Amino acid sequence: MIRIENGKVFDLRALKDVKENRIKLIRIDCSDKINLHADGATQQNAALGIYSPERCEAIKSHISACRNEYLRCKALILAAQTNDEADAVQFVAPPVPEGM
């Protein structure tokens, strides 16, 4: 809960709750970015090697890069000492490799 009093903003949320919620949002953002370029069937086909080796590698590389970005964000959120620090962490989607 956020309260404004005499023009001052008071963040009354518990840091633990802020961290949990921020991690959930980052996880959703990561999944959305992956699924935007490779839906579930495409991911499964890449894992099974149905596509050309180059395309399979591009898809797997993108998923891995997104996962690494999620883990980077999660570590920053867990290390945050304040609500503002946790809220400031942003997921930066990696570039989509050619050939996806």
PDB file of N, CA and C in Angstrom:
ATOM      1  N   MET A   1       0.842  -1.171   0.000  1.00  0.00           N
ATOM      2  CA  MET A   1       0.000   0.000   0.000  1.00  0.00           C
ATOM      3  C   MET A   1       0.894   1.243   0.000  1.00  0.00           C
ATOM      4  N   ILE A   2       0.486   2.186  -0.783  1.00  0.00           N
ATOM      5  CA  ILE A   2       1.213   3.451  -0.845  1.00  0.00           C
ATOM      6  C   ILE A   2       0.284   4.542  -0.316  1.00  0.00           C
ATOM      7  N   ARG A   3       0.824   5.382   0.556  1.00  0.00           N
ATOM      8  CA  ARG A   3       0.024   6.452   1.152  1.00  0.00           C
ATOM      9  C   ARG A   3       0.717   7.775   0.854  1.00  0.00           C
ATOM     10  N   ILE A   4      -0.085   8.773   0.525  1.00  0.00           N
ATOM     11  CA  ILE A   4       0.432  10.121   0.306  1.00  0.00           C
ATOM     12  C   ILE A   4      -0.104  10.999   1.420  1.00  0.00           C
ATOM     13  N   GLU A   5       0.817  11.680   2.090  1.00  0.00           N
ATOM     14  CA  GLU A   5       0.450  12.518   3.223  1.00  0.00           C
ATOM     15  C   GLU A   5       1.273  13.793   3.160  1.00  0.00           C
ATOM     16  N   ASN A   6       0.588  14.924   3.123  1.00  0.00           N
ATOM     17  CA  ASN A   6       1.271  16.221   3.049  1.00  0.00           C
ATOM     18  C   ASN A   6       2.265  16.285   1.894  1.00  0.00           C
ATOM     19  N   GLY A   7       1.887  15.709   0.761  1.00  0.00           N
ATOM     20  CA  GLY A   7       2.743  15.736  -0.417  1.00  0.00           C
ATOM     21  C   GLY A   7       3.883  14.741  -0.392  1.00  0.00           C
ATOM     22  N   LYS A   8       3.985  13.935   0.658  1.00  0.00           N
ATOM     23  CA  LYS A   8       5.034  12.922   0.752  1.00  0.00           C
ATOM     24  C   LYS A   8       4.434  11.548   0.474  1.00  0.00           C
ATOM     25  N   VAL A   9       5.190  10.721  -0.206  1.00  0.00           N
ATOM     26  CA  VAL A   9       4.738   9.374  -0.545  1.00  0.00           C
ATOM     27  C   VAL A   9       5.364   8.389   0.432  1.00  0.00           C
ATOM     28  N   PHE A  10       4.520   7.553   1.019  1.00  0.00           N
ATOM     29  CA  PHE A  10       4.979   6.528   1.952  1.00  0.00           C
ATOM     30  C   PHE A  10       4.649   5.162   1.360  1.00  0.00           C
ATOM     31  N   ASP A  11       5.665   4.372   1.119  1.00  0.00           N
ATOM     32  CA  ASP A  11       5.498   3.026   0.576  1.00  0.00           C
ATOM     33  C   ASP A  11       5.402   2.071   1.764  1.00  0.00           C
ATOM     34  N   LEU A  12       4.229   1.547   1.996  1.00  0.00           N
ATOM     35  CA  LEU A  12       3.994   0.698   3.157  1.00  0.00           C
ATOM     36  C   LEU A  12       4.046  -0.790   2.823  1.00  0.00           C
ATOM     37  N   ARG A  13       4.437  -1.105   1.596  1.00  0.00           N
ATOM     38  CA  ARG A  13       4.521  -2.513   1.207  1.00  0.00           C
ATOM     39  C   ARG A  13       5.715  -3.171   1.885  1.00  0.00           C
ATOM     40  N   ALA A  14       5.569  -4.423   2.245  1.00  0.00           N
ATOM     41  CA  ALA A  14       6.681  -5.178   2.827  1.00  0.00           C
ATOM     42  C   ALA A  14       7.674  -5.518   1.717  1.00  0.00           C
ATOM     43  N   LEU A  15       8.950  -5.390   1.991  1.00  0.00           N
ATOM     44  CA  LEU A  15       9.985  -5.646   0.992  1.00  0.00           C
ATOM     45  C   LEU A  15       9.865  -7.057   0.426  1.00  0.00           C
ATOM     46  N   LYS A  16       9.563  -8.010   1.271  1.00  0.00           N
ATOM     47  CA  LYS A  16       9.400  -9.405   0.823  1.00  0.00           C
ATOM     48  C   LYS A  16       8.302  -9.499  -0.234  1.00  0.00           C
ATOM     49  N   ASP A  17       7.189  -8.839  -0.010  1.00  0.00           N
ATOM     50  CA  ASP A  17       6.076  -8.868  -0.961  1.00  0.00           C
ATOM     51  C   ASP A  17       6.436  -8.170  -2.271  1.00  0.00           C
ATOM     52  N   VAL A  18       7.132  -7.067  -2.169  1.00  0.00           N
ATOM     53  CA  VAL A  18       7.561  -6.330  -3.361  1.00  0.00           C
ATOM     54  C   VAL A  18       8.473  -7.212  -4.203  1.00  0.00           C
ATOM     55  N   LYS A  19       9.414  -7.882  -3.555  1.00  0.00           N
ATOM     56  CA  LYS A  19      10.343  -8.752  -4.277  1.00  0.00           C
ATOM     57  C   LYS A  19       9.599  -9.894  -4.961  1.00  0.00           C
ATOM     58  N   GLU A  20       8.695 -10.545  -4.236  1.00  0.00           N
ATOM     59  CA  GLU A  20       7.937 -11.661  -4.811  1.00  0.00           C
ATOM     60  C   GLU A  20       7.123 -11.204  -6.020  1.00  0.00           C
ATOM     61  N   ASN A  21       6.442 -10.082  -5.892  1.00  0.00           N
ATOM     62  CA  ASN A  21       5.619  -9.578  -6.990  1.00  0.00           C
ATOM     63  C   ASN A  21       6.466  -9.157  -8.183  1.00  0.00           C
ATOM     64  N   ARG A  22       7.606  -8.529  -7.916  1.00  0.00           N
ATOM     65  CA  ARG A  22       8.465  -8.075  -9.011  1.00  0.00           C
ATOM     66  C   ARG A  22       9.038  -9.276  -9.775  1.00  0.00           C
ATOM     67  N   ILE A  23       9.434 -10.316  -9.045  1.00  0.00           N
ATOM     68  CA  ILE A  23       9.948 -11.529  -9.685  1.00  0.00           C
ATOM     69  C   ILE A  23       8.865 -12.164 -10.550  1.00  0.00           C
ATOM     70  N   LYS A  24       7.638 -12.206 -10.058  1.00  0.00           N
ATOM     71  CA  LYS A  24       6.529 -12.753 -10.863  1.00  0.00           C
ATOM     72  C   LYS A  24       6.337 -11.953 -12.143  1.00  0.00           C
ATOM     73  N   LEU A  25       6.388 -10.621 -12.038  1.00  0.00           N
ATOM     74  CA  LEU A  25       6.225  -9.779 -13.228  1.00  0.00           C
ATOM     75  C   LEU A  25       7.356  -9.989 -14.228  1.00  0.00           C
ATOM     76  N   ILE A  26       8.575 -10.110 -13.732  1.00  0.00           N
ATOM     77  CA  ILE A  26       9.723 -10.336 -14.612  1.00  0.00           C
ATOM     78  C   ILE A  26       9.583 -11.705 -15.287  1.00  0.00           C
ATOM     79  N   ARG A  27       9.134 -12.714 -14.542  1.00  0.00           N
ATOM     80  CA  ARG A  27       8.945 -14.053 -15.109  1.00  0.00           C
ATOM     81  C   ARG A  27       7.910 -14.022 -16.230  1.00  0.00           C
ATOM     82  N   ILE A  28       6.823 -13.295 -16.016  1.00  0.00           N
ATOM     83  CA  ILE A  28       5.784 -13.169 -17.039  1.00  0.00           C
ATOM     84  C   ILE A  28       6.331 -12.447 -18.262  1.00  0.00           C
ATOM     85  N   ASP A  29       7.074 -11.380 -18.035  1.00  0.00           N
ATOM     86  CA  ASP A  29       7.660 -10.623 -19.143  1.00  0.00           C
ATOM     87  C   ASP A  29       8.608 -11.505 -19.953  1.00  0.00           C
ATOM     88  N   CYS A  30       9.417 -12.286 -19.274  1.00  0.00           N
ATOM     89  CA  CYS A  30      10.348 -13.194 -19.939  1.00  0.00           C
ATOM     90  C   CYS A  30       9.587 -14.208 -20.791  1.00  0.00           C
ATOM     91  N   SER A  31       8.580 -14.834 -20.220  1.00  0.00           N
ATOM     92  CA  SER A  31       7.782 -15.816 -20.960  1.00  0.00           C
ATOM     93  C   SER A  31       7.098 -15.186 -22.166  1.00  0.00           C
ATOM     94  N   ASP A  32       6.569 -13.987 -21.974  1.00  0.00           N
ATOM     95  CA  ASP A  32       5.913 -13.282 -23.080  1.00  0.00           C
ATOM     96  C   ASP A  32       6.882 -13.029 -24.224  1.00  0.00           C
ATOM     97  N   LYS A  33       8.102 -12.602 -23.907  1.00  0.00           N
ATOM     98  CA  LYS A  33       9.093 -12.316 -24.940  1.00  0.00           C
ATOM     99  C   LYS A  33       9.492 -13.588 -25.686  1.00  0.00           C
ATOM    100  N   ILE A  34       9.647 -14.686 -24.957  1.00  0.00           N
ATOM    101  CA  ILE A  34       9.976 -15.959 -25.605  1.00  0.00           C
ATOM    102  C   ILE A  34       8.839 -16.380 -26.531  1.00  0.00           C
ATOM    103  N   ASN A  35       7.616 -16.374 -26.005  1.00  0.00           N
ATOM    104  CA  ASN A  35       6.462 -16.840 -26.777  1.00  0.00           C
ATOM    105  C   ASN A  35       6.106 -15.917 -27.932  1.00  0.00           C
ATOM    106  N   LEU A  36       6.529 -14.664 -27.867  1.00  0.00           N
ATOM    107  CA  LEU A  36       6.279 -13.728 -28.955  1.00  0.00           C
ATOM    108  C   LEU A  36       6.983 -14.192 -30.228  1.00  0.00           C
ATOM    109  N   HIS A  37       8.154 -14.778 -30.078  1.00  0.00           N
ATOM    110  CA  HIS A  37       8.952 -15.173 -31.239  1.00  0.00           C
ATOM    111  C   HIS A  37       8.985 -16.678 -31.469  1.00  0.00           C
ATOM    112  N   ALA A  38       8.593 -17.457 -30.467  1.00  0.00           N
ATOM    113  CA  ALA A  38       8.608 -18.915 -30.606  1.00  0.00           C
ATOM    114  C   ALA A  38       7.530 -19.498 -29.700  1.00  0.00           C
ATOM    115  N   ASP A  39       6.387 -19.836 -30.303  1.00  0.00           N
ATOM    116  CA  ASP A  39       5.303 -20.417 -29.490  1.00  0.00           C
ATOM    117  C   ASP A  39       5.707 -21.811 -28.993  1.00  0.00           C
ATOM    118  N   GLY A  40       4.854 -22.418 -28.213  1.00  0.00           N
ATOM    119  CA  GLY A  40       5.171 -23.707 -27.602  1.00  0.00           C
ATOM    120  C   GLY A  40       5.525 -24.787 -28.612  1.00  0.00           C
ATOM    121  N   ALA A  41       4.778 -24.847 -29.707  1.00  0.00           N
ATOM    122  CA  ALA A  41       5.062 -25.861 -30.729  1.00  0.00           C
ATOM    123  C   ALA A  41       6.426 -25.619 -31.366  1.00  0.00           C
ATOM    124  N   THR A  42       6.755 -24.369 -31.629  1.00  0.00           N
ATOM    125  CA  THR A  42       8.053 -24.038 -32.216  1.00  0.00           C
ATOM    126  C   THR A  42       9.177 -24.409 -31.261  1.00  0.00           C
ATOM    127  N   GLN A  43       8.985 -24.121 -29.980  1.00  0.00           N
ATOM    128  CA  GLN A  43      10.001 -24.468 -28.981  1.00  0.00           C
ATOM    129  C   GLN A  43      10.191 -25.982 -28.923  1.00  0.00           C
ATOM    130  N   GLN A  44       9.087 -26.705 -28.943  1.00  0.00           N
ATOM    131  CA  GLN A  44       9.170 -28.167 -28.881  1.00  0.00           C
ATOM    132  C   GLN A  44       9.858 -28.728 -30.127  1.00  0.00           C
ATOM    133  N   ASN A  45       9.516 -28.206 -31.285  1.00  0.00           N
ATOM    134  CA  ASN A  45      10.142 -28.668 -32.525  1.00  0.00           C
ATOM    135  C   ASN A  45      11.648 -28.388 -32.523  1.00  0.00           C
ATOM    136  N   ALA A  46      12.032 -27.245 -31.987  1.00  0.00           N
ATOM    137  CA  ALA A  46      13.455 -26.922 -31.899  1.00  0.00           C
ATOM    138  C   ALA A  46      14.164 -27.891 -30.947  1.00  0.00           C
ATOM    139  N   ALA A  47      13.534 -28.184 -29.821  1.00  0.00           N
ATOM    140  CA  ALA A  47      14.130 -29.102 -28.849  1.00  0.00           C
ATOM    141  C   ALA A  47      14.269 -30.505 -29.439  1.00  0.00           C
ATOM    142  N   LEU A  48      13.328 -30.884 -30.301  1.00  0.00           N
ATOM    143  CA  LEU A  48      13.369 -32.214 -30.921  1.00  0.00           C
ATOM    144  C   LEU A  48      14.275 -32.266 -32.153  1.00  0.00           C
ATOM    145  N   GLY A  49      14.739 -31.091 -32.591  1.00  0.00           N
ATOM    146  CA  GLY A  49      15.631 -31.045 -33.743  1.00  0.00           C
ATOM    147  C   GLY A  49      14.923 -31.190 -35.075  1.00  0.00           C
ATOM    148  N   ILE A  50      13.652 -30.839 -35.111  1.00  0.00           N
ATOM    149  CA  ILE A  50      12.860 -30.982 -36.338  1.00  0.00           C
ATOM    150  C   ILE A  50      13.261 -29.950 -37.391  1.00  0.00           C
ATOM    151  N   TYR A  51      13.618 -28.766 -36.963  1.00  0.00           N
ATOM    152  CA  TYR A  51      14.031 -27.718 -37.892  1.00  0.00           C
ATOM    153  C   TYR A  51      15.495 -27.917 -38.281  1.00  0.00           C
ATOM    154  N   SER A  52      15.956 -27.056 -39.152  1.00  0.00           N
ATOM    155  CA  SER A  52      17.378 -27.103 -39.524  1.00  0.00           C
ATOM    156  C   SER A  52      18.211 -26.846 -38.265  1.00  0.00           C
ATOM    157  N   PRO A  53      19.439 -27.361 -38.261  1.00  0.00           N
ATOM    158  CA  PRO A  53      20.286 -27.137 -37.076  1.00  0.00           C
ATOM    159  C   PRO A  53      20.467 -25.657 -36.752  1.00  0.00           C
ATOM    160  N   GLU A  54      20.561 -24.820 -37.781  1.00  0.00           N
ATOM    161  CA  GLU A  54      20.745 -23.387 -37.559  1.00  0.00           C
ATOM    162  C   GLU A  54      19.526 -22.776 -36.869  1.00  0.00           C
ATOM    163  N   ARG A  55      18.330 -23.156 -37.346  1.00  0.00           N
ATOM    164  CA  ARG A  55      17.112 -22.609 -36.743  1.00  0.00           C
ATOM    165  C   ARG A  55      16.933 -23.125 -35.312  1.00  0.00           C
ATOM    166  N   CYS A  56      17.191 -24.405 -35.113  1.00  0.00           N
ATOM    167  CA  CYS A  56      17.088 -24.968 -33.757  1.00  0.00           C
ATOM    168  C   CYS A  56      18.017 -24.225 -32.803  1.00  0.00           C
ATOM    169  N   GLU A  57      19.233 -23.988 -33.256  1.00  0.00           N
ATOM    170  CA  GLU A  57      20.206 -23.295 -32.411  1.00  0.00           C
ATOM    171  C   GLU A  57      19.782 -21.861 -32.136  1.00  0.00           C
ATOM    172  N   ALA A  58      19.231 -21.175 -33.136  1.00  0.00           N
ATOM    173  CA  ALA A  58      18.776 -19.794 -32.945  1.00  0.00           C
ATOM    174  C   ALA A  58      17.655 -19.732 -31.915  1.00  0.00           C
ATOM    175  N   ILE A  59      16.719 -20.657 -32.004  1.00  0.00           N
ATOM    176  CA  ILE A  59      15.587 -20.678 -31.061  1.00  0.00           C
ATOM    177  C   ILE A  59      16.091 -20.978 -29.655  1.00  0.00           C
ATOM    178  N   LYS A  60      16.902 -22.008 -29.526  1.00  0.00           N
ATOM    179  CA  LYS A  60      17.420 -22.375 -28.206  1.00  0.00           C
ATOM    180  C   LYS A  60      18.298 -21.271 -27.627  1.00  0.00           C
ATOM    181  N   SER A  61      19.053 -20.614 -28.482  1.00  0.00           N
ATOM    182  CA  SER A  61      19.911 -19.513 -28.041  1.00  0.00           C
ATOM    183  C   SER A  61      19.067 -18.358 -27.495  1.00  0.00           C
ATOM    184  N   HIS A  62      17.990 -18.042 -28.184  1.00  0.00           N
ATOM    185  CA  HIS A  62      17.118 -16.951 -27.738  1.00  0.00           C
ATOM    186  C   HIS A  62      16.466 -17.287 -26.396  1.00  0.00           C
ATOM    187  N   ILE A  63      15.981 -18.498 -26.270  1.00  0.00           N
ATOM    188  CA  ILE A  63      15.360 -18.917 -25.008  1.00  0.00           C
ATOM    189  C   ILE A  63      16.378 -18.856 -23.875  1.00  0.00           C
ATOM    190  N   SER A  64      17.584 -19.318 -24.139  1.00  0.00           N
ATOM    191  CA  SER A  64      18.647 -19.287 -23.130  1.00  0.00           C
ATOM    192  C   SER A  64      19.001 -17.854 -22.736  1.00  0.00           C
ATOM    193  N   ALA A  65      19.082 -16.962 -23.720  1.00  0.00           N
ATOM    194  CA  ALA A  65      19.398 -15.560 -23.430  1.00  0.00           C
ATOM    195  C   ALA A  65      18.293 -14.918 -22.591  1.00  0.00           C
ATOM    196  N   CYS A  66      17.041 -15.227 -22.911  1.00  0.00           N
ATOM    197  CA  CYS A  66      15.924 -14.689 -22.111  1.00  0.00           C
ATOM    198  C   CYS A  66      15.984 -15.219 -20.683  1.00  0.00           C
ATOM    199  N   ARG A  67      16.279 -16.498 -20.549  1.00  0.00           N
ATOM    200  CA  ARG A  67      16.379 -17.098 -19.213  1.00  0.00           C
ATOM    201  C   ARG A  67      17.518 -16.461 -18.413  1.00  0.00           C
ATOM    202  N   ASN A  68      18.636 -16.245 -19.066  1.00  0.00           N
ATOM    203  CA  ASN A  68      19.768 -15.604 -18.377  1.00  0.00           C
ATOM    204  C   ASN A  68      19.410 -14.191 -17.925  1.00  0.00           C
ATOM    205  N   GLU A  69      18.660 -13.462 -18.751  1.00  0.00           N
ATOM    206  CA  GLU A  69      18.223 -12.111 -18.372  1.00  0.00           C
ATOM    207  C   GLU A  69      17.266 -12.188 -17.188  1.00  0.00           C
ATOM    208  N   TYR A  70      16.366 -13.170 -17.190  1.00  0.00           N
ATOM    209  CA  TYR A  70      15.464 -13.363 -16.056  1.00  0.00           C
ATOM    210  C   TYR A  70      16.274 -13.628 -14.781  1.00  0.00           C
ATOM    211  N   LEU A  71      17.262 -14.502 -14.869  1.00  0.00           N
ATOM    212  CA  LEU A  71      18.075 -14.818 -13.686  1.00  0.00           C
ATOM    213  C   LEU A  71      18.858 -13.608 -13.201  1.00  0.00           C
ATOM    214  N   ARG A  72      19.328 -12.773 -14.130  1.00  0.00           N
ATOM    215  CA  ARG A  72      20.024 -11.538 -13.753  1.00  0.00           C
ATOM    216  C   ARG A  72      19.084 -10.625 -12.977  1.00  0.00           C
ATOM    217  N   CYS A  73      17.874 -10.466 -13.502  1.00  0.00           N
ATOM    218  CA  CYS A  73      16.881  -9.605 -12.847  1.00  0.00           C
ATOM    219  C   CYS A  73      16.505 -10.160 -11.479  1.00  0.00           C
ATOM    220  N   LYS A  74      16.291 -11.456 -11.412  1.00  0.00           N
ATOM    221  CA  LYS A  74      15.911 -12.082 -10.145  1.00  0.00           C
ATOM    222  C   LYS A  74      16.982 -11.851  -9.081  1.00  0.00           C
ATOM    223  N   ALA A  75      18.244 -11.998  -9.467  1.00  0.00           N
ATOM    224  CA  ALA A  75      19.341 -11.777  -8.512  1.00  0.00           C
ATOM    225  C   ALA A  75      19.352 -10.342  -8.017  1.00  0.00           C
ATOM    226  N   LEU A  76      19.137  -9.391  -8.916  1.00  0.00           N
ATOM    227  CA  LEU A  76      19.100  -7.981  -8.515  1.00  0.00           C
ATOM    228  C   LEU A  76      17.924  -7.706  -7.576  1.00  0.00           C
ATOM    229  N   ILE A  77      16.792  -8.303  -7.871  1.00  0.00           N
ATOM    230  CA  ILE A  77      15.612  -8.098  -7.021  1.00  0.00           C
ATOM    231  C   ILE A  77      15.860  -8.684  -5.636  1.00  0.00           C
ATOM    232  N   LEU A  78      16.382  -9.885  -5.588  1.00  0.00           N
ATOM    233  CA  LEU A  78      16.634 -10.517  -4.287  1.00  0.00           C
ATOM    234  C   LEU A  78      17.682  -9.764  -3.476  1.00  0.00           C
ATOM    235  N   ALA A  79      18.602  -9.091  -4.157  1.00  0.00           N
ATOM    236  CA  ALA A  79      19.643  -8.324  -3.464  1.00  0.00           C
ATOM    237  C   ALA A  79      19.173  -6.923  -3.071  1.00  0.00           C
ATOM    238  N   ALA A  80      18.027  -6.504  -3.576  1.00  0.00           N
ATOM    239  CA  ALA A  80      17.530  -5.149  -3.301  1.00  0.00           C
ATOM    240  C   ALA A  80      17.313  -4.952  -1.804  1.00  0.00           C
ATOM    241  N   GLN A  81      17.669  -3.751  -1.350  1.00  0.00           N
ATOM    242  CA  GLN A  81      17.522  -3.404   0.062  1.00  0.00           C
ATOM    243  C   GLN A  81      16.294  -2.545   0.329  1.00  0.00           C
ATOM    244  N   THR A  82      15.708  -2.034  -0.747  1.00  0.00           N
ATOM    245  CA  THR A  82      14.517  -1.190  -0.590  1.00  0.00           C
ATOM    246  C   THR A  82      13.485  -1.550  -1.659  1.00  0.00           C
ATOM    247  N   ASN A  83      12.259  -1.118  -1.435  1.00  0.00           N
ATOM    248  CA  ASN A  83      11.197  -1.330  -2.412  1.00  0.00           C
ATOM    249  C   ASN A  83      11.528  -0.651  -3.732  1.00  0.00           C
ATOM    250  N   ASP A  84      12.081   0.559  -3.649  1.00  0.00           N
ATOM    251  CA  ASP A  84      12.439   1.291  -4.870  1.00  0.00           C
ATOM    252  C   ASP A  84      13.475   0.537  -5.696  1.00  0.00           C
ATOM    253  N   GLU A  85      14.463  -0.037  -5.024  1.00  0.00           N
ATOM    254  CA  GLU A  85      15.482  -0.808  -5.748  1.00  0.00           C
ATOM    255  C   GLU A  85      14.857  -2.011  -6.452  1.00  0.00           C
ATOM    256  N   ALA A  86      13.993  -2.719  -5.767  1.00  0.00           N
ATOM    257  CA  ALA A  86      13.339  -3.890  -6.366  1.00  0.00           C
ATOM    258  C   ALA A  86      12.439  -3.474  -7.526  1.00  0.00           C
ATOM    259  N   ASP A  87      11.686  -2.406  -7.333  1.00  0.00           N
ATOM    260  CA  ASP A  87      10.785  -1.922  -8.387  1.00  0.00           C
ATOM    261  C   ASP A  87      11.539  -1.429  -9.619  1.00  0.00           C
ATOM    262  N   ALA A  88      12.775  -0.991  -9.440  1.00  0.00           N
ATOM    263  CA  ALA A  88      13.541  -0.409 -10.543  1.00  0.00           C
ATOM    264  C   ALA A  88      14.111  -1.460 -11.502  1.00  0.00           C
ATOM    265  N   VAL A  89      14.145  -2.719 -11.096  1.00  0.00           N
ATOM    266  CA  VAL A  89      14.713  -3.757 -11.955  1.00  0.00           C
ATOM    267  C   VAL A  89      13.805  -3.984 -13.156  1.00  0.00           C
ATOM    268  N   GLN A  90      14.403  -3.927 -14.333  1.00  0.00           N
ATOM    269  CA  GLN A  90      13.659  -4.082 -15.586  1.00  0.00           C
ATOM    270  C   GLN A  90      14.224  -5.232 -16.402  1.00  0.00           C
ATOM    271  N   PHE A  91      13.331  -6.023 -16.979  1.00  0.00           N
ATOM    272  CA  PHE A  91      13.728  -7.090 -17.895  1.00  0.00           C
ATOM    273  C   PHE A  91      14.036  -6.450 -19.245  1.00  0.00           C
ATOM    274  N   VAL A  92      15.231  -6.695 -19.740  1.00  0.00           N
ATOM    275  CA  VAL A  92      15.638  -6.161 -21.051  1.00  0.00           C
ATOM    276  C   VAL A  92      15.758  -7.356 -21.986  1.00  0.00           C
ATOM    277  N   ALA A  93      14.782  -7.477 -22.875  1.00  0.00           N
ATOM    278  CA  ALA A  93      14.754  -8.638 -23.767  1.00  0.00           C
ATOM    279  C   ALA A  93      15.982  -8.633 -24.684  1.00  0.00           C
ATOM    280  N   PRO A  94      16.619  -9.794 -24.800  1.00  0.00           N
ATOM    281  CA  PRO A  94      17.767  -9.879 -25.708  1.00  0.00           C
ATOM    282  C   PRO A  94      17.300  -9.800 -27.152  1.00  0.00           C
ATOM    283  N   PRO A  95      18.197  -9.433 -28.053  1.00  0.00           N
ATOM    284  CA  PRO A  95      17.807  -9.365 -29.459  1.00  0.00           C
ATOM    285  C   PRO A  95      17.448 -10.760 -29.985  1.00  0.00           C
ATOM    286  N   VAL A  96      16.548 -10.784 -30.930  1.00  0.00           N
ATOM    287  CA  VAL A  96      16.131 -12.042 -31.539  1.00  0.00           C
ATOM    288  C   VAL A  96      17.171 -12.434 -32.603  1.00  0.00           C
ATOM    289  N   PRO A  97      17.718 -13.625 -32.492  1.00  0.00           N
ATOM    290  CA  PRO A  97      18.720 -14.042 -33.480  1.00  0.00           C
ATOM    291  C   PRO A  97      18.117 -14.192 -34.879  1.00  0.00           C
ATOM    292  N   GLU A  98      18.938 -13.959 -35.875  1.00  0.00           N
ATOM    293  CA  GLU A  98      18.476 -14.191 -37.239  1.00  0.00           C
ATOM    294  C   GLU A  98      18.236 -15.677 -37.420  1.00  0.00           C
ATOM    295  N   GLY A  99      17.288 -15.987 -38.254  1.00  0.00           N
ATOM    296  CA  GLY A  99      17.025 -17.394 -38.569  1.00  0.00           C
ATOM    297  C   GLY A  99      15.985 -18.054 -37.708  1.00  0.00           C
ATOM    298  N   MET A 100      15.366 -17.278 -36.821  1.00  0.00           N
ATOM    299  CA  MET A 100      14.308 -17.867 -36.002  1.00  0.00           C
ATOM    300  C   MET A 100      13.054 -17.944 -36.841  1.00  0.00           C
TER     301      MET A 100
END
